[in-house]
Amino acid sequence: MSINFLNRNCQETPSHRDIFGLCDAQDGSRAYTNTDNPATWIATVKNNRNIALIFTAVDKCVLQDHDEIGRGRCDGLLTSEEHIYFVELKNEKGSWVTKAIDQLESTIKFFIENHSIEDFRHKKAFACNKRHNKFQEIDNELNLRFFRTYKVRLDVQAEIIFI
């Protein structure tokens, strides 16, 4: 199955805003951006350079629930000409980090199978949780393995900063 992660039907209009939020209503709809209601934000995007950023809904759009059953997928991508950031949004307590990282890893594998990740200079994966919005330390071995395997840096935090 060919998967088009750059499907324009799943992309929002590019945003140059310096701050906005990523939301997931957790009701079966796809993730989206928001600029006017921070209470709904699971992750905060800081874009001080006002780079044109495109949010693409992966879960419920690029990949539907009936696609690739048994394989996880993250909620969305943030892309620019030189950035690709994979984002998983959670709003739960308890053990969520492992599941979020598994979903990110699965999505990165899908992406690599269908596109050239090397086209992007900056590659990151973010596991974000509204209930745990401060940075959480990731096991160094896991972080190193993730980077060596996919050439993608892994962060567990609800603040996504574009450099």
Protein backbone atom coordinates (compact mmCIF):
# COMPACT_ATOMS: atom_id res chain seq x y z
CA MET A 1 0.00 0.00 0.00
CA SER A 2 1.40 3.37 -1.01
CA ILE A 3 0.92 6.11 1.58
CA ASN A 4 1.12 9.79 0.64
CA PHE A 5 2.14 11.74 3.72
CA LEU A 6 2.10 14.92 1.66
CA ASN A 7 -1.58 14.56 0.71
CA ARG A 8 -2.90 18.12 0.39
CA ASN A 9 -6.37 16.97 1.50
CA CYS A 10 -4.89 16.20 4.92
CA GLN A 11 -2.89 19.44 5.19
CA GLU A 12 -3.93 22.70 6.75
CA THR A 13 -3.03 26.06 5.22
CA PRO A 14 0.61 26.98 5.98
CA SER A 15 0.97 29.07 9.14
CA HIS A 16 3.60 31.71 9.84
CA ARG A 17 2.30 32.38 13.36
CA ASP A 18 4.88 32.60 16.13
CA ILE A 19 2.75 30.53 18.54
CA PHE A 20 -0.16 28.14 18.11
CA GLY A 21 -1.44 24.91 19.53
CA LEU A 22 -1.94 21.34 18.37
CA CYS A 23 -5.19 19.74 19.44
CA ASP A 24 -6.82 16.32 19.42
CA ALA A 25 -10.38 16.18 20.70
CA GLN A 26 -9.94 12.42 21.36
CA ASP A 27 -13.40 11.86 19.86
CA GLY A 28 -12.52 10.03 16.66
CA SER A 29 -11.82 13.19 14.67
CA ARG A 30 -8.41 14.11 13.33
CA ALA A 31 -5.88 16.38 15.04
CA TYR A 32 -5.78 20.06 14.12
CA THR A 33 -4.12 23.40 14.90
CA ASN A 34 -5.67 26.18 16.97
CA THR A 35 -4.71 29.79 17.58
CA ASP A 36 -7.41 31.17 19.85
CA ASN A 37 -8.16 28.65 22.61
CA PRO A 38 -5.01 27.59 24.53
CA ALA A 39 -7.14 25.52 26.92
CA THR A 40 -7.61 22.99 24.10
CA TRP A 41 -3.92 22.78 23.19
CA ILE A 42 -2.09 19.52 23.93
CA ALA A 43 1.16 20.88 22.51
CA THR A 44 2.38 24.44 22.01
CA VAL A 45 4.29 25.25 18.83
CA LYS A 46 6.78 28.12 19.07
CA ASN A 47 7.82 29.47 15.70
CA ASN A 48 9.74 32.66 16.50
CA ARG A 49 11.31 32.72 13.02
CA ASN A 50 7.81 32.69 11.48
CA ILE A 51 8.70 29.77 9.20
CA ALA A 52 5.84 28.60 6.95
CA LEU A 53 4.67 25.45 8.79
CA ILE A 54 2.21 22.94 7.42
CA PHE A 55 0.28 20.67 9.76
CA THR A 56 -0.73 17.34 8.22
CA ALA A 57 -3.21 15.07 10.01
CA VAL A 58 -1.80 11.55 9.83
CA ASP A 59 -4.23 9.57 11.99
CA LYS A 60 -7.78 9.75 10.55
CA CYS A 61 -6.60 11.26 7.25
CA VAL A 62 -3.30 10.11 5.71
CA LEU A 63 -4.02 6.77 7.41
CA GLN A 64 -7.62 5.84 8.16
CA ASP A 65 -8.60 3.47 10.98
CA HIS A 66 -9.03 0.58 8.52
CA ASP A 67 -5.58 1.12 6.95
CA GLU A 68 -2.67 -0.98 8.19
CA ILE A 69 -4.61 -2.50 11.10
CA GLY A 70 -2.34 -3.37 13.99
CA ARG A 71 0.24 -0.72 13.15
CA GLY A 72 0.21 2.51 15.11
CA ARG A 73 0.39 5.98 13.70
CA CYS A 74 1.00 9.39 15.21
CA ASP A 75 -1.50 12.22 15.13
CA GLY A 76 0.29 14.52 12.73
CA LEU A 77 3.31 16.08 11.06
CA LEU A 78 4.63 19.61 11.09
CA THR A 79 6.69 20.34 8.02
CA SER A 80 8.53 23.19 6.38
CA GLU A 81 11.03 23.19 3.53
CA GLU A 82 13.70 21.85 5.89
CA HIS A 83 11.79 20.47 8.92
CA ILE A 84 9.77 17.35 9.54
CA TYR A 85 8.40 16.90 13.05
CA PHE A 86 6.30 13.83 13.85
CA VAL A 87 3.85 14.54 16.69
CA GLU A 88 1.83 12.24 18.95
CA LEU A 89 -0.72 13.97 21.19
CA LYS A 90 -1.91 12.43 24.44
CA ASN A 91 -4.24 13.63 27.16
CA GLU A 92 -3.97 10.91 29.76
CA LYS A 93 -2.38 9.98 33.03
CA GLY A 94 -0.39 6.87 33.73
CA SER A 95 1.98 5.07 31.43
CA TRP A 96 1.64 6.78 28.07
CA VAL A 97 5.21 7.43 26.95
CA THR A 98 5.95 3.93 25.62
CA LYS A 99 2.74 3.84 23.57
CA ALA A 100 3.39 7.32 22.17
CA ILE A 101 6.96 6.43 21.17
CA ASP A 102 5.72 3.20 19.52
CA GLN A 103 3.20 5.22 17.48
CA LEU A 104 5.90 7.69 16.44
CA GLU A 105 8.28 4.91 15.48
CA SER A 106 5.64 3.14 13.40
CA THR A 107 4.77 6.37 11.58
CA ILE A 108 8.43 7.10 10.85
CA LYS A 109 8.75 3.61 9.35
CA PHE A 110 5.67 4.25 7.17
CA PHE A 111 7.14 7.58 6.08
CA ILE A 112 10.54 6.10 5.21
CA GLU A 113 8.83 3.33 3.21
CA ASN A 114 7.04 5.94 1.08
CA HIS A 115 9.17 9.11 1.04
CA SER A 116 12.75 10.31 1.43
CA ILE A 117 13.25 11.54 4.99
CA GLU A 118 16.67 12.78 3.93
CA ASP A 119 14.94 15.65 2.09
CA PHE A 120 14.57 17.32 5.50
CA ARG A 121 17.46 18.87 7.41
CA HIS A 122 15.75 18.90 10.83
CA LYS A 123 13.99 15.68 11.89
CA LYS A 124 12.30 15.25 15.27
CA ALA A 125 9.61 13.17 16.91
CA PHE A 126 7.57 14.60 19.79
CA ALA A 127 5.50 12.68 22.31
CA CYS A 128 3.27 15.35 23.88
CA ASN A 129 0.85 15.07 26.78
CA LYS A 130 -1.35 17.86 28.07
CA ARG A 131 -1.28 16.36 31.57
CA HIS A 132 2.51 16.08 31.55
CA ASN A 133 3.56 19.18 29.66
CA LYS A 134 7.02 19.56 31.13
CA PHE A 135 10.03 17.87 29.59
CA GLN A 136 10.43 14.23 30.60
CA GLU A 137 13.77 12.55 30.40
CA ILE A 138 14.09 9.70 27.92
CA ASP A 139 16.42 6.80 28.50
CA ASN A 140 19.71 7.68 26.78
CA GLU A 141 19.94 4.25 25.16
CA LEU A 142 16.45 4.59 23.70
CA ASN A 143 17.20 8.08 22.43
CA LEU A 144 20.47 6.97 20.86
CA ARG A 145 18.89 3.87 19.26
CA PHE A 146 16.06 5.98 17.88
CA PHE A 147 18.48 8.47 16.33
CA ARG A 148 20.82 5.81 14.93
CA THR A 149 17.93 3.87 13.42
CA TYR A 150 15.87 6.69 11.90
CA LYS A 151 18.12 9.80 12.04
CA VAL A 152 15.29 11.45 13.99
CA ARG A 153 15.70 13.06 17.41
CA LEU A 154 13.14 12.07 20.04
CA ASP A 155 11.62 14.45 22.62
CA VAL A 156 8.95 13.90 25.26
CA GLN A 157 7.55 17.36 25.93
CA ALA A 158 4.54 19.49 25.05
CA GLU A 159 6.55 22.41 23.67
CA ILE A 160 7.65 22.17 20.06
CA ILE A 161 10.24 24.79 19.13
CA PHE A 162 11.28 25.48 15.55
CA ILE A 163 14.86 26.64 15.08
